[in-house]
Amino acid sequence: MGAGATEFTIIGNLLSTVWSFTALLMAPLSELFGYRSVTIVGGLLSFLTMLLSAYSTNLTSFTFSYSVLGGIAGSLSTFNGFAIIPLYFQKRKGLANGIVASCSALGK
C-alpha cells in the first residue's frame, strides 16, 4: 500500500482508541439489547472487518475497515464476557475472569 511503519502504527493505535471509546457505550447497549445479541453482532462485525480489510486496496479503506470497524467489533464482542461474570459467579470470580481473559487473548 506504500505506507511506512509510522502510518501502520497510527492505524493500530486508532484501533485501540476506537475500542476504548466504544467500551463506554457497552453497558447501556447490553442492557438495552441483551448480552447475547450485542456479542453476536460484534462477532459478525468482526467477520466483516476481516473481509473488508483483506480486500482493501488503499490505506484509507484499510484504516476505516481495520481501525474503526475492528475497534467497534472488538469492543462489542469482548466486553460482555467480563461483564456477565458477577451475574453468574458468586465464588471463584477471579478464576472465571482469568479464564475469560485467557480465551479472549487466545482468540485474538
N, C-alpha and C. Protein backbone atom coordinates (compact mmCIF):
# COMPACT_ATOMS: atom_id res chain seq x y z
N MET A 1 0.82 -1.21 0.00
CA MET A 1 0.00 0.00 0.00
C MET A 1 0.86 1.26 0.00
N GLY A 2 2.14 1.09 0.09
CA GLY A 2 3.04 2.23 0.03
C GLY A 2 3.13 3.02 1.32
N ALA A 3 2.75 2.45 2.42
CA ALA A 3 2.79 3.16 3.70
C ALA A 3 3.98 2.66 4.51
N GLY A 4 4.47 3.53 5.37
CA GLY A 4 5.60 3.17 6.22
C GLY A 4 5.15 2.67 7.58
N ALA A 5 6.13 2.47 8.43
CA ALA A 5 5.86 1.95 9.77
C ALA A 5 5.04 2.94 10.59
N THR A 6 5.25 4.22 10.39
CA THR A 6 4.51 5.23 11.16
C THR A 6 3.02 5.18 10.86
N GLU A 7 2.67 5.06 9.60
CA GLU A 7 1.26 5.01 9.23
C GLU A 7 0.56 3.78 9.81
N PHE A 8 1.24 2.64 9.75
CA PHE A 8 0.63 1.43 10.29
C PHE A 8 0.58 1.43 11.81
N THR A 9 1.50 2.13 12.43
CA THR A 9 1.44 2.29 13.89
C THR A 9 0.24 3.14 14.27
N ILE A 10 0.00 4.18 13.51
CA ILE A 10 -1.16 5.04 13.76
C ILE A 10 -2.46 4.25 13.58
N ILE A 11 -2.50 3.39 12.59
CA ILE A 11 -3.69 2.56 12.37
C ILE A 11 -3.93 1.64 13.56
N GLY A 12 -2.89 1.01 14.07
CA GLY A 12 -3.02 0.15 15.25
C GLY A 12 -3.45 0.91 16.48
N ASN A 13 -2.91 2.11 16.67
CA ASN A 13 -3.29 2.93 17.82
C ASN A 13 -4.73 3.44 17.68
N LEU A 14 -5.15 3.72 16.47
CA LEU A 14 -6.53 4.14 16.25
C LEU A 14 -7.50 3.01 16.57
N LEU A 15 -7.10 1.77 16.29
CA LEU A 15 -7.92 0.62 16.67
C LEU A 15 -8.14 0.60 18.18
N SER A 16 -7.09 0.77 18.95
CA SER A 16 -7.21 0.77 20.41
C SER A 16 -8.05 1.93 20.91
N THR A 17 -7.91 3.07 20.27
CA THR A 17 -8.68 4.25 20.68
C THR A 17 -10.17 4.05 20.43
N VAL A 18 -10.53 3.56 19.25
CA VAL A 18 -11.94 3.32 18.94
C VAL A 18 -12.50 2.24 19.86
N TRP A 19 -11.71 1.21 20.12
CA TRP A 19 -12.13 0.12 21.01
C TRP A 19 -12.44 0.68 22.40
N SER A 20 -11.56 1.54 22.91
CA SER A 20 -11.75 2.10 24.26
C SER A 20 -12.95 3.02 24.34
N PHE A 21 -13.15 3.86 23.34
CA PHE A 21 -14.30 4.77 23.38
C PHE A 21 -15.61 4.03 23.16
N THR A 22 -15.59 2.97 22.38
CA THR A 22 -16.80 2.18 22.19
C THR A 22 -17.17 1.44 23.47
N ALA A 23 -16.18 1.09 24.27
CA ALA A 23 -16.45 0.39 25.53
C ALA A 23 -17.30 1.23 26.48
N LEU A 24 -17.26 2.54 26.33
CA LEU A 24 -18.11 3.41 27.16
C LEU A 24 -19.59 3.20 26.89
N LEU A 25 -19.92 2.74 25.70
CA LEU A 25 -21.32 2.54 25.33
C LEU A 25 -21.81 1.11 25.55
N MET A 26 -20.91 0.24 25.98
CA MET A 26 -21.26 -1.17 26.04
C MET A 26 -22.29 -1.52 27.11
N ALA A 27 -22.17 -0.96 28.29
CA ALA A 27 -23.14 -1.29 29.36
C ALA A 27 -24.56 -0.88 28.97
N PRO A 28 -24.77 0.35 28.48
CA PRO A 28 -26.15 0.69 28.06
C PRO A 28 -26.65 -0.16 26.89
N LEU A 29 -25.78 -0.45 25.92
CA LEU A 29 -26.21 -1.28 24.79
C LEU A 29 -26.56 -2.70 25.24
N SER A 30 -25.77 -3.25 26.16
CA SER A 30 -26.03 -4.61 26.64
C SER A 30 -27.31 -4.68 27.45
N GLU A 31 -27.60 -3.66 28.21
CA GLU A 31 -28.84 -3.66 28.98
C GLU A 31 -30.06 -3.47 28.08
N LEU A 32 -29.88 -2.69 27.02
CA LEU A 32 -30.99 -2.41 26.11
C LEU A 32 -31.29 -3.60 25.20
N PHE A 33 -30.26 -4.18 24.60
CA PHE A 33 -30.46 -5.24 23.61
C PHE A 33 -30.15 -6.64 24.13
N GLY A 34 -29.49 -6.75 25.26
CA GLY A 34 -29.11 -8.06 25.81
C GLY A 34 -27.67 -8.40 25.50
N TYR A 35 -27.07 -9.16 26.41
CA TYR A 35 -25.67 -9.52 26.26
C TYR A 35 -25.42 -10.38 25.02
N ARG A 36 -26.27 -11.34 24.82
CA ARG A 36 -26.07 -12.26 23.70
C ARG A 36 -26.18 -11.57 22.35
N SER A 37 -27.18 -10.72 22.19
CA SER A 37 -27.37 -10.03 20.91
C SER A 37 -26.20 -9.13 20.58
N VAL A 38 -25.72 -8.40 21.56
CA VAL A 38 -24.60 -7.48 21.32
C VAL A 38 -23.34 -8.26 20.97
N THR A 39 -23.11 -9.37 21.63
CA THR A 39 -21.93 -10.17 21.35
C THR A 39 -21.99 -10.81 19.96
N ILE A 40 -23.16 -11.26 19.56
CA ILE A 40 -23.32 -11.85 18.22
C ILE A 40 -23.09 -10.79 17.15
N VAL A 41 -23.61 -9.60 17.36
CA VAL A 41 -23.38 -8.52 16.40
C VAL A 41 -21.89 -8.19 16.33
N GLY A 42 -21.22 -8.22 17.47
CA GLY A 42 -19.77 -7.99 17.49
C GLY A 42 -19.01 -9.05 16.70
N GLY A 43 -19.42 -10.30 16.82
CA GLY A 43 -18.78 -11.36 16.06
C GLY A 43 -19.00 -11.22 14.56
N LEU A 44 -20.21 -10.87 14.18
CA LEU A 44 -20.50 -10.66 12.76
C LEU A 44 -19.74 -9.45 12.21
N LEU A 45 -19.65 -8.41 13.02
CA LEU A 45 -18.89 -7.23 12.60
C LEU A 45 -17.40 -7.54 12.52
N SER A 46 -16.90 -8.43 13.36
CA SER A 46 -15.50 -8.86 13.27
C SER A 46 -15.24 -9.58 11.96
N PHE A 47 -16.18 -10.43 11.57
CA PHE A 47 -16.06 -11.11 10.28
C PHE A 47 -16.04 -10.10 9.13
N LEU A 48 -16.93 -9.13 9.18
CA LEU A 48 -16.97 -8.10 8.14
C LEU A 48 -15.68 -7.28 8.13
N THR A 49 -15.14 -7.02 9.30
CA THR A 49 -13.88 -6.28 9.41
C THR A 49 -12.75 -7.01 8.69
N MET A 50 -12.62 -8.29 8.97
CA MET A 50 -11.54 -9.06 8.35
C MET A 50 -11.74 -9.20 6.84
N LEU A 51 -12.98 -9.34 6.42
CA LEU A 51 -13.27 -9.46 4.99
C LEU A 51 -12.94 -8.15 4.27
N LEU A 52 -13.38 -7.03 4.82
CA LEU A 52 -13.10 -5.75 4.18
C LEU A 52 -11.62 -5.40 4.23
N SER A 53 -10.96 -5.74 5.31
CA SER A 53 -9.53 -5.45 5.42
C SER A 53 -8.71 -6.28 4.43
N ALA A 54 -9.13 -7.50 4.20
CA ALA A 54 -8.41 -8.36 3.27
C ALA A 54 -8.50 -7.85 1.84
N TYR A 55 -9.60 -7.21 1.50
CA TYR A 55 -9.79 -6.75 0.13
C TYR A 55 -9.60 -5.24 -0.04
N SER A 56 -9.10 -4.56 0.96
CA SER A 56 -8.87 -3.12 0.82
C SER A 56 -7.65 -2.89 -0.07
N THR A 57 -7.75 -1.89 -0.91
CA THR A 57 -6.69 -1.63 -1.88
C THR A 57 -5.89 -0.36 -1.58
N ASN A 58 -6.40 0.48 -0.70
CA ASN A 58 -5.65 1.68 -0.36
C ASN A 58 -5.63 1.86 1.16
N LEU A 59 -4.81 2.76 1.62
CA LEU A 59 -4.60 2.94 3.05
C LEU A 59 -5.83 3.51 3.75
N THR A 60 -6.60 4.34 3.09
CA THR A 60 -7.79 4.93 3.70
C THR A 60 -8.85 3.87 3.98
N SER A 61 -9.11 3.02 3.01
CA SER A 61 -10.11 1.97 3.23
C SER A 61 -9.63 0.96 4.26
N PHE A 62 -8.33 0.68 4.27
CA PHE A 62 -7.80 -0.24 5.28
C PHE A 62 -7.91 0.38 6.67
N THR A 63 -7.63 1.66 6.79
CA THR A 63 -7.74 2.34 8.08
C THR A 63 -9.16 2.29 8.59
N PHE A 64 -10.12 2.57 7.73
CA PHE A 64 -11.52 2.54 8.15
C PHE A 64 -11.95 1.13 8.53
N SER A 65 -11.64 0.17 7.66
CA SER A 65 -12.13 -1.20 7.92
C SER A 65 -11.44 -1.82 9.13
N TYR A 66 -10.14 -1.63 9.26
CA TYR A 66 -9.43 -2.28 10.36
C TYR A 66 -9.58 -1.51 11.67
N SER A 67 -9.36 -0.21 11.64
CA SER A 67 -9.35 0.55 12.89
C SER A 67 -10.75 0.85 13.41
N VAL A 68 -11.58 1.42 12.58
CA VAL A 68 -12.90 1.85 13.04
C VAL A 68 -13.82 0.64 13.24
N LEU A 69 -14.02 -0.14 12.19
CA LEU A 69 -14.90 -1.31 12.32
C LEU A 69 -14.31 -2.34 13.28
N GLY A 70 -13.00 -2.54 13.21
CA GLY A 70 -12.36 -3.50 14.10
C GLY A 70 -12.43 -3.10 15.56
N GLY A 71 -12.29 -1.81 15.84
CA GLY A 71 -12.40 -1.33 17.21
C GLY A 71 -13.80 -1.51 17.77
N ILE A 72 -14.79 -1.19 16.97
CA ILE A 72 -16.18 -1.37 17.40
C ILE A 72 -16.48 -2.85 17.58
N ALA A 73 -16.05 -3.67 16.63
CA ALA A 73 -16.31 -5.11 16.71
C ALA A 73 -15.61 -5.74 17.91
N GLY A 74 -14.39 -5.34 18.17
CA GLY A 74 -13.67 -5.89 19.31
C GLY A 74 -14.33 -5.56 20.63
N SER A 75 -14.78 -4.34 20.74
CA SER A 75 -15.45 -3.94 21.97
C SER A 75 -16.78 -4.65 22.14
N LEU A 76 -17.53 -4.77 21.06
CA LEU A 76 -18.83 -5.46 21.12
C LEU A 76 -18.67 -6.93 21.48
N SER A 77 -17.63 -7.55 20.99
CA SER A 77 -17.52 -9.00 21.18
C SER A 77 -16.80 -9.42 22.46
N THR A 78 -16.02 -8.55 23.09
CA THR A 78 -15.28 -8.97 24.27
C THR A 78 -15.80 -8.38 25.58
N PHE A 79 -16.48 -7.29 25.56
CA PHE A 79 -16.90 -6.62 26.79
C PHE A 79 -17.82 -7.50 27.63
N ASN A 80 -18.78 -8.12 27.01
CA ASN A 80 -19.80 -8.87 27.75
C ASN A 80 -19.25 -10.11 28.43
N GLY A 81 -18.16 -10.65 27.92
CA GLY A 81 -17.55 -11.78 28.60
C GLY A 81 -17.11 -11.43 30.01
N PHE A 82 -16.64 -10.21 30.18
CA PHE A 82 -16.23 -9.76 31.50
C PHE A 82 -17.41 -9.21 32.31
N ALA A 83 -18.38 -8.65 31.64
CA ALA A 83 -19.50 -8.01 32.34
C ALA A 83 -20.46 -9.01 32.98
N ILE A 84 -20.57 -10.20 32.42
CA ILE A 84 -21.54 -11.15 32.97
C ILE A 84 -20.96 -12.04 34.07
N ILE A 85 -19.68 -11.96 34.32
CA ILE A 85 -19.08 -12.80 35.37
C ILE A 85 -19.75 -12.58 36.73
N PRO A 86 -19.95 -11.34 37.19
CA PRO A 86 -20.60 -11.17 38.50
C PRO A 86 -22.05 -11.66 38.54
N LEU A 87 -22.70 -11.77 37.38
CA LEU A 87 -24.08 -12.25 37.35
C LEU A 87 -24.19 -13.75 37.57
N TYR A 88 -23.15 -14.49 37.19
CA TYR A 88 -23.22 -15.95 37.25
C TYR A 88 -22.31 -16.59 38.30
N PHE A 89 -21.32 -15.85 38.77
CA PHE A 89 -20.37 -16.43 39.71
C PHE A 89 -20.39 -15.67 41.03
N GLN A 90 -20.67 -16.36 42.10
CA GLN A 90 -20.58 -15.77 43.43
C GLN A 90 -19.22 -16.12 44.04
N LYS A 91 -18.78 -17.34 43.80
CA LYS A 91 -17.46 -17.80 44.25
C LYS A 91 -16.56 -17.92 43.03
N ARG A 92 -15.30 -17.83 43.24
CA ARG A 92 -14.29 -18.03 42.19
C ARG A 92 -14.43 -17.07 41.02
N LYS A 93 -14.77 -15.83 41.30
CA LYS A 93 -14.86 -14.81 40.25
C LYS A 93 -13.51 -14.58 39.58
N GLY A 94 -12.45 -14.65 40.39
CA GLY A 94 -11.10 -14.46 39.86
C GLY A 94 -10.73 -15.53 38.85
N LEU A 95 -11.07 -16.77 39.14
CA LEU A 95 -10.80 -17.87 38.21
C LEU A 95 -11.60 -17.69 36.92
N ALA A 96 -12.87 -17.35 37.06
CA ALA A 96 -13.71 -17.14 35.87
C ALA A 96 -13.19 -15.98 35.04
N ASN A 97 -12.77 -14.91 35.70
CA ASN A 97 -12.21 -13.76 34.99
C ASN A 97 -10.92 -14.14 34.27
N GLY A 98 -10.09 -14.95 34.91
CA GLY A 98 -8.85 -15.41 34.28
C GLY A 98 -9.10 -16.27 33.05
N ILE A 99 -10.10 -17.14 33.15
CA ILE A 99 -10.44 -18.00 32.00
C ILE A 99 -10.95 -17.15 30.84
N VAL A 100 -11.82 -16.18 31.13
CA VAL A 100 -12.33 -15.31 30.07
C VAL A 100 -11.21 -14.50 29.44
N ALA A 101 -10.31 -13.96 30.25
CA ALA A 101 -9.21 -13.16 29.74
C ALA A 101 -8.27 -14.02 28.89
N SER A 102 -8.01 -15.25 29.32
CA SER A 102 -7.13 -16.14 28.55
C SER A 102 -7.75 -16.51 27.22
N CYS A 103 -9.03 -16.83 27.23
CA CYS A 103 -9.71 -17.19 25.98
C CYS A 103 -9.84 -15.99 25.04
N SER A 104 -10.04 -14.83 25.61
CA SER A 104 -10.11 -13.61 24.79
C SER A 104 -8.77 -13.36 24.10
N ALA A 105 -7.69 -13.52 24.82
CA ALA A 105 -6.36 -13.32 24.23
C ALA A 105 -6.04 -14.42 23.22
N LEU A 106 -6.50 -15.62 23.48
CA LEU A 106 -6.27 -16.73 22.55
C LEU A 106 -7.01 -16.49 21.24
N GLY A 107 -8.20 -15.92 21.32
CA GLY A 107 -8.98 -15.64 20.11
C GLY A 107 -8.36 -14.57 19.23
N LYS A 108 -7.65 -13.67 19.85
CA LYS A 108 -7.02 -12.60 19.06
C LYS A 108 -5.82 -13.14 18.33
